[in-house]
Amino acid sequence: MSPHRRRTWTRASSAAFLAIALAAGGTAYAGDDIETLTARQIAEKAREALVGAQSVHISSKGDLREPGSPNELDLALDRAGNCAGTVSMGDEGSVEIVKRGETVWMKPDAAFWKNQVPGGGDTVKELVGDRYLRGTTDNGLLKGMTEVCDLDTFVDRLTGVPTSDVDLTKGKKTKVDGVDAIPVSGNLAGRTITLYVATEGKPYPVRLVVTSAGAAKATVDFSDFDEPVPTETPPAGESVDLSTLLG
C-alpha cells in the first residue's frame, strides 16, 4: 500500500480528533458545575477528559475528509494499541480490523482489493476468500492499516493544533443519546464544529458534528470511555497468514 493510501485511511478517523483541537489553548476551571463555565472552559474540560481516557469507542459517519468522500468508522481502541472494528471509505472499500498487541487480523472487502491492487484485486480476493489476513505490524501493509488504532497519536494530534484564536460559543443543554450534554461551537479551517460535552460525571465529549460547504454533515459519537477493547480474535480457521501469500 502506498504512503498516500495509508494516510487516507488514517485521516478517516484522525479528522474527528483534530476537530476537538478547537478546545486547545484554554485554561482549565476547577469547578464541578460545567454548565456555569465559558465555552472555552467547557471545551478544555472535554479535551482534558479525552486526553486522560485509556480507551474509547468511536463511531463516525459523513465527510471527514474532502467533500464528496463519505466514510464510516466504528472502532474501539486503547492506549496499548489494541483495537477492534471497521473502517469504511465508501467506494474505496472497507476493512474489518482486529489488533491485539503486535498481531493484526484484517478482512478487506472486494472494493478494497480492487482499489489497492489495480488489475489484480479479483485474484487476491479469490485467494483470500472470506478470511482475515493475519500478521504483525512488522508488515508494512498491516502497520499502515492499523495506524487508526493508535490512541496516543490521536491525542498528540489534537493537542498539537494551536487554536487559541478560535471564537467559541456555548449553546443550551440538550440530550445526546440520552446523555445530558452542552454544545460548544466554533469555526475552524472553513468548518463549523459543534462539540457536545457531558454535563454529568466526567465531562467527556459525547458527540462531534462537523459541517462545511459542499460536504455532507459528519457526526462522530464517543462512548465506552475506559472500557476494555473486545479481546476476541478470529479463529485460526478463519484467517490466513499474510507471509504465506507473500511467499
Protein backbone atom coordinates (compact mmCIF):
# COMPACT_ATOMS: atom_id res chain seq x y z
CA MET A 1 0.00 0.00 0.00
CA SER A 2 1.32 3.41 -0.92
CA PRO A 3 2.00 6.06 1.77
CA HIS A 4 -0.84 8.14 0.28
CA ARG A 5 -3.28 5.27 0.68
CA ARG A 6 -2.21 4.71 4.28
CA ARG A 7 -2.65 8.39 5.11
CA THR A 8 -6.09 8.37 3.50
CA TRP A 9 -7.30 5.62 5.81
CA THR A 10 -5.76 7.26 8.85
CA ARG A 11 -7.42 10.60 8.12
CA ALA A 12 -10.83 8.96 8.27
CA SER A 13 -10.54 8.61 11.99
CA SER A 14 -7.98 11.22 12.98
CA ALA A 15 -10.01 14.08 11.48
CA ALA A 16 -12.53 13.68 14.26
CA PHE A 17 -9.84 14.12 16.89
CA LEU A 18 -8.26 17.03 15.08
CA ALA A 19 -11.57 18.84 15.24
CA ILE A 20 -11.64 18.53 19.00
CA ALA A 21 -8.42 20.52 19.00
CA LEU A 22 -10.57 23.65 18.89
CA ALA A 23 -10.54 23.23 22.66
CA ALA A 24 -6.77 23.60 22.92
CA GLY A 25 -5.32 26.77 24.36
CA GLY A 26 -7.95 27.22 27.04
CA THR A 27 -7.46 27.42 30.78
CA ALA A 28 -8.96 24.64 32.86
CA TYR A 29 -11.51 25.52 35.52
CA ALA A 30 -11.56 23.77 38.87
CA GLY A 31 -15.32 23.97 39.46
CA ASP A 32 -17.60 20.96 39.15
CA ASP A 33 -20.65 22.63 37.55
CA ILE A 34 -19.70 22.53 33.90
CA GLU A 35 -22.81 24.45 32.85
CA THR A 36 -21.51 27.58 34.57
CA LEU A 37 -18.26 27.57 32.60
CA THR A 38 -17.48 29.55 29.47
CA ALA A 39 -17.47 27.84 26.09
CA ARG A 40 -13.68 27.64 26.05
CA GLN A 41 -13.50 26.27 29.59
CA ILE A 42 -16.03 23.57 28.69
CA ALA A 43 -14.05 22.64 25.59
CA GLU A 44 -10.86 22.48 27.62
CA LYS A 45 -12.54 20.24 30.18
CA ALA A 46 -13.61 17.89 27.38
CA ARG A 47 -10.10 17.86 25.94
CA GLU A 48 -8.61 17.02 29.35
CA ALA A 49 -11.12 14.22 29.86
CA LEU A 50 -10.33 12.72 26.47
CA VAL A 51 -6.58 13.04 26.99
CA GLY A 52 -6.96 11.16 30.27
CA ALA A 53 -9.06 8.35 28.80
CA GLN A 54 -7.39 4.95 28.49
CA SER A 55 -9.80 3.71 25.83
CA VAL A 56 -12.76 4.88 23.78
CA HIS A 57 -15.29 3.65 21.23
CA ILE A 58 -15.66 5.91 18.20
CA SER A 59 -18.50 5.76 15.69
CA SER A 60 -18.48 8.24 12.82
CA LYS A 61 -20.34 8.85 9.59
CA GLY A 62 -20.04 11.56 6.96
CA ASP A 63 -17.46 13.68 5.15
CA LEU A 64 -14.44 13.95 7.43
CA ARG A 65 -12.03 14.24 4.53
CA GLU A 66 -12.51 16.30 1.37
CA PRO A 67 -16.11 16.98 0.24
CA GLY A 68 -17.75 14.07 -1.52
CA SER A 69 -15.69 11.42 0.25
CA PRO A 70 -18.05 9.80 2.75
CA ASN A 71 -16.62 7.41 5.29
CA GLU A 72 -17.69 5.44 8.30
CA LEU A 73 -15.72 4.36 11.31
CA ASP A 74 -16.77 2.04 14.11
CA LEU A 75 -13.76 1.32 16.26
CA ALA A 76 -12.83 0.58 19.86
CA LEU A 77 -9.22 1.44 20.69
CA ASP A 78 -6.96 1.88 23.69
CA ARG A 79 -3.60 3.23 24.81
CA ALA A 80 -1.92 -0.13 24.31
CA GLY A 81 -2.67 -0.02 20.59
CA ASN A 82 -5.37 -2.68 20.73
CA CYS A 83 -8.42 -2.10 18.56
CA ALA A 84 -11.42 -3.81 17.01
CA GLY A 85 -13.90 -2.55 14.48
CA THR A 86 -14.49 -1.46 10.91
CA VAL A 87 -13.20 1.35 8.72
CA SER A 88 -15.14 2.19 5.55
CA MET A 89 -14.18 4.67 2.85
CA GLY A 90 -17.22 4.45 0.60
CA ASP A 91 -16.37 3.30 -2.92
CA GLU A 92 -12.74 2.75 -1.90
CA GLY A 93 -13.78 -0.22 0.19
CA SER A 94 -13.95 -1.24 3.81
CA VAL A 95 -11.84 -3.28 6.21
CA GLU A 96 -12.56 -5.14 9.42
CA ILE A 97 -9.64 -4.76 11.82
CA VAL A 98 -8.67 -6.61 14.99
CA LYS A 99 -5.38 -5.81 16.68
CA ARG A 100 -4.01 -7.32 19.87
CA GLY A 101 -0.51 -6.24 20.75
CA GLU A 102 1.55 -6.54 17.56
CA THR A 103 -0.73 -9.14 15.96
CA VAL A 104 -3.22 -7.94 13.37
CA TRP A 105 -6.21 -9.53 11.66
CA MET A 106 -7.59 -7.65 8.68
CA LYS A 107 -10.54 -8.56 6.42
CA PRO A 108 -10.88 -6.24 3.40
CA ASP A 109 -13.87 -6.36 1.07
CA ALA A 110 -13.75 -6.73 -2.72
CA ALA A 111 -13.84 -2.96 -3.31
CA PHE A 112 -10.76 -2.52 -1.15
CA TRP A 113 -8.76 -5.06 -3.12
CA LYS A 114 -9.90 -3.54 -6.40
CA ASN A 115 -8.56 -0.14 -5.34
CA GLN A 116 -5.39 -1.34 -3.65
CA VAL A 117 -4.37 -3.92 -6.26
CA PRO A 118 -5.42 -2.49 -9.64
CA GLY A 119 -5.78 -5.27 -12.16
CA GLY A 120 -5.25 -7.97 -9.57
CA GLY A 121 -7.82 -7.27 -6.89
CA ASP A 122 -10.18 -10.04 -8.00
CA THR A 123 -7.35 -12.57 -7.89
CA VAL A 124 -6.33 -11.55 -4.38
CA LYS A 125 -9.93 -11.61 -3.18
CA GLU A 126 -10.42 -15.08 -4.63
CA LEU A 127 -7.23 -16.28 -2.96
CA VAL A 128 -8.11 -14.88 0.46
CA GLY A 129 -11.83 -15.56 0.27
CA ASP A 130 -13.91 -14.60 3.27
CA ARG A 131 -10.97 -14.90 5.64
CA TYR A 132 -8.88 -12.48 7.63
CA LEU A 133 -5.30 -11.72 6.74
CA ARG A 134 -3.15 -12.39 9.80
CA GLY A 135 0.26 -10.96 10.51
CA THR A 136 2.14 -8.47 12.62
CA THR A 137 2.91 -4.79 12.46
CA ASP A 138 6.32 -5.72 11.03
CA ASN A 139 4.45 -5.91 7.72
CA GLY A 140 4.09 -2.52 6.05
CA LEU A 141 0.52 -3.11 4.87
CA LEU A 142 -0.76 -4.15 8.28
CA LYS A 143 1.20 -1.43 10.05
CA GLY A 144 -0.28 1.20 7.76
CA MET A 145 -3.81 -0.07 8.16
CA THR A 146 -3.60 -0.15 11.95
CA GLU A 147 -2.38 3.43 12.34
CA VAL A 148 -6.02 4.15 13.18
CA CYS A 149 -5.57 2.06 16.33
CA ASP A 150 -3.08 4.42 17.95
CA LEU A 151 -4.96 6.47 20.54
CA ASP A 152 -1.74 8.16 21.65
CA THR A 153 -1.21 9.52 18.13
CA PHE A 154 -4.74 10.88 18.01
CA VAL A 155 -4.27 12.66 21.31
CA ASP A 156 -0.92 14.09 20.21
CA ARG A 157 -2.51 15.47 17.07
CA LEU A 158 -5.44 17.07 18.81
CA THR A 159 -3.26 18.76 21.42
CA GLY A 160 -0.72 19.90 18.86
CA VAL A 161 -3.02 22.17 16.85
CA PRO A 162 -2.88 25.82 18.00
CA THR A 163 -6.45 27.19 18.02
CA SER A 164 -6.49 29.69 20.86
CA ASP A 165 -7.76 32.37 18.47
CA VAL A 166 -10.91 30.42 17.54
CA ASP A 167 -14.11 32.03 18.85
CA LEU A 168 -16.27 29.50 20.72
CA THR A 169 -19.98 29.72 21.51
CA LYS A 170 -21.86 27.83 24.22
CA GLY A 171 -25.34 26.55 23.45
CA LYS A 172 -28.23 25.28 25.54
CA LYS A 173 -28.14 21.94 27.31
CA THR A 174 -29.66 19.10 25.35
CA LYS A 175 -29.64 15.29 25.23
CA VAL A 176 -27.38 13.18 23.05
CA ASP A 177 -28.48 9.55 23.00
CA GLY A 178 -30.00 10.04 26.45
CA VAL A 179 -26.94 11.80 27.87
CA ASP A 180 -27.26 15.38 29.12
CA ALA A 181 -24.76 17.46 27.18
CA ILE A 182 -23.94 21.07 26.44
CA PRO A 183 -22.80 22.14 22.94
CA VAL A 184 -19.76 24.26 22.19
CA SER A 185 -19.36 25.54 18.62
CA GLY A 186 -16.62 27.21 16.62
CA ASN A 187 -15.30 27.67 13.09
CA LEU A 188 -12.01 26.04 12.16
CA ALA A 189 -10.42 25.80 8.70
CA GLY A 190 -13.70 26.54 6.94
CA ARG A 191 -15.69 24.05 9.01
CA THR A 192 -18.32 24.63 11.65
CA ILE A 193 -17.63 22.30 14.54
CA THR A 194 -20.00 21.56 17.39
CA LEU A 195 -18.76 19.53 20.33
CA TYR A 196 -21.30 18.11 22.79
CA VAL A 197 -19.87 17.66 26.28
CA ALA A 198 -21.42 15.55 29.05
CA THR A 199 -22.70 17.64 31.96
CA GLU A 200 -22.77 14.79 34.48
CA GLY A 201 -19.81 12.72 35.62
CA LYS A 202 -16.59 13.30 33.72
CA PRO A 203 -17.02 15.96 31.02
CA TYR A 204 -16.29 13.58 28.17
CA PRO A 205 -17.06 14.60 24.59
CA VAL A 206 -20.09 12.56 23.57
CA ARG A 207 -20.70 13.84 20.05
CA LEU A 208 -18.95 15.93 17.44
CA VAL A 209 -20.75 17.41 14.43
CA VAL A 210 -18.77 18.89 11.54
CA THR A 211 -20.37 20.83 8.68
CA SER A 212 -18.81 22.62 5.73
CA ALA A 213 -19.88 23.87 2.33
CA GLY A 214 -20.14 21.14 -0.28
CA ALA A 215 -19.75 18.28 2.18
CA ALA A 216 -22.20 16.01 3.92
CA LYS A 217 -22.53 16.56 7.64
CA ALA A 218 -20.17 14.41 9.66
CA THR A 219 -21.22 13.04 13.03
CA VAL A 220 -18.82 11.38 15.45
CA ASP A 221 -20.06 9.68 18.61
CA PHE A 222 -17.81 8.82 21.55
CA SER A 223 -18.70 6.19 24.14
CA ASP A 224 -17.38 3.41 26.38
CA PHE A 225 -14.59 5.52 27.84
CA ASP A 226 -12.11 3.39 29.82
CA GLU A 227 -13.95 0.20 28.84
CA PRO A 228 -11.79 -2.73 27.66
CA VAL A 229 -11.40 -3.22 23.93
CA PRO A 230 -13.03 -6.54 22.94
CA THR A 231 -10.44 -9.30 23.22
CA GLU A 232 -11.99 -11.87 20.89
CA THR A 233 -9.82 -12.66 17.87
CA PRO A 234 -10.70 -14.57 14.68
CA PRO A 235 -10.27 -18.36 14.88
CA ALA A 236 -7.28 -19.86 13.09
CA GLY A 237 -9.56 -21.45 10.50
CA GLU A 238 -10.95 -18.07 9.54
CA SER A 239 -7.63 -16.41 8.83
CA VAL A 240 -4.68 -16.84 6.50
CA ASP A 241 -1.09 -15.96 7.33
CA LEU A 242 -0.05 -12.99 5.21
CA SER A 243 3.51 -14.30 4.98
CA THR A 244 2.30 -17.40 3.10
CA LEU A 245 0.63 -15.20 0.49
CA LEU A 246 3.76 -13.14 0.06
CA GLY A 247 5.83 -16.27 -0.39
